Amino acid sequence: KHPGGVYHLYRRADGTLWFSLLAPEEWISQKPEHVASYRLEADLSFTPVSEIAEREAEAVQLARLLPPAR
């Protein structure tokens, strides 16, 4: 697991969920059911890909409130 990486959640026919580094468009055959895609954060939480821009905008706003690092 690498923070900053995007992981894709898939569902097997029996209902079990699993993560893969392969994006849905990268599968050549036996395309599994794609559930969602997430970015792994430094704190090991997952952010849905659809919310990455919002999270980064919040980080920029927070950085403006903090004094510069020395």
Protein backbone atom coordinates (compact mmCIF):
# COMPACT_ATOMS: atom_id res chain seq x y z
CA LYS A 1 0.00 0.00 0.00
CA HIS A 2 1.36 3.37 -1.01
CA PRO A 3 -0.18 6.67 0.08
CA GLY A 4 -1.19 8.70 -2.95
CA GLY A 5 -1.96 5.60 -4.99
CA VAL A 6 -5.37 4.92 -6.46
CA TYR A 7 -6.95 1.58 -5.62
CA HIS A 8 -10.01 0.14 -7.34
CA LEU A 9 -12.63 -1.85 -5.45
CA TYR A 10 -14.23 -4.81 -7.22
CA ARG A 11 -16.90 -7.37 -6.34
CA ARG A 12 -16.55 -11.05 -7.15
CA ALA A 13 -19.53 -13.16 -8.25
CA ASP A 14 -19.85 -14.53 -4.69
CA GLY A 15 -20.15 -10.97 -3.32
CA THR A 16 -16.70 -10.63 -1.75
CA LEU A 17 -14.95 -7.31 -2.23
CA TRP A 18 -11.28 -6.84 -3.14
CA PHE A 19 -8.90 -4.04 -4.11
CA SER A 20 -6.74 -3.95 -7.23
CA LEU A 21 -4.27 -1.57 -8.79
CA LEU A 22 -5.82 -2.27 -12.19
CA ALA A 23 -8.31 0.37 -13.32
CA PRO A 24 -11.55 -0.82 -14.90
CA GLU A 25 -10.36 0.13 -18.40
CA GLU A 26 -7.13 -1.88 -17.98
CA TRP A 27 -8.85 -5.28 -17.79
CA ILE A 28 -8.48 -7.26 -21.01
CA SER A 29 -10.71 -10.20 -20.17
CA GLN A 30 -12.89 -11.36 -17.28
CA LYS A 31 -13.79 -7.82 -16.27
CA PRO A 32 -14.96 -7.93 -12.65
CA GLU A 33 -17.72 -5.68 -11.33
CA HIS A 34 -16.19 -2.29 -10.48
CA VAL A 35 -17.62 -0.81 -7.27
CA ALA A 36 -15.56 2.36 -6.74
CA SER A 37 -12.06 3.86 -6.86
CA TYR A 38 -10.21 5.44 -3.94
CA ARG A 39 -6.94 7.26 -3.23
CA LEU A 40 -5.01 6.03 -0.21
CA GLU A 41 -4.11 8.98 2.03
CA ALA A 42 -1.03 9.40 4.23
CA ASP A 43 -3.13 8.58 7.31
CA LEU A 44 -4.16 5.32 5.55
CA SER A 45 -7.74 6.47 5.05
CA PHE A 46 -9.37 6.24 1.64
CA THR A 47 -10.83 9.16 -0.31
CA PRO A 48 -13.27 8.41 -3.12
CA VAL A 49 -11.78 9.56 -6.43
CA SER A 50 -14.80 11.81 -6.93
CA GLU A 51 -13.87 13.74 -3.76
CA ILE A 52 -10.10 14.19 -4.33
CA ALA A 53 -10.35 17.74 -5.72
CA GLU A 54 -12.49 18.82 -2.76
CA ARG A 55 -10.05 17.29 -0.27
CA GLU A 56 -7.08 18.99 -1.93
CA ALA A 57 -8.89 22.35 -1.90
CA GLU A 58 -9.49 21.94 1.84
CA ALA A 59 -5.79 21.16 2.37
CA VAL A 60 -4.81 24.36 0.53
CA GLN A 61 -7.15 26.41 2.71
CA LEU A 62 -5.75 24.82 5.88
CA ALA A 63 -2.17 25.45 4.73
CA ARG A 64 -2.97 29.15 4.40
CA LEU A 65 -3.95 29.26 8.08
CA LEU A 66 -0.75 27.64 9.31
CA PRO A 67 2.57 29.47 9.61
CA PRO A 68 5.23 28.45 7.07
CA ALA A 69 7.47 25.54 8.05
CA ARG A 70 11.02 26.46 9.04
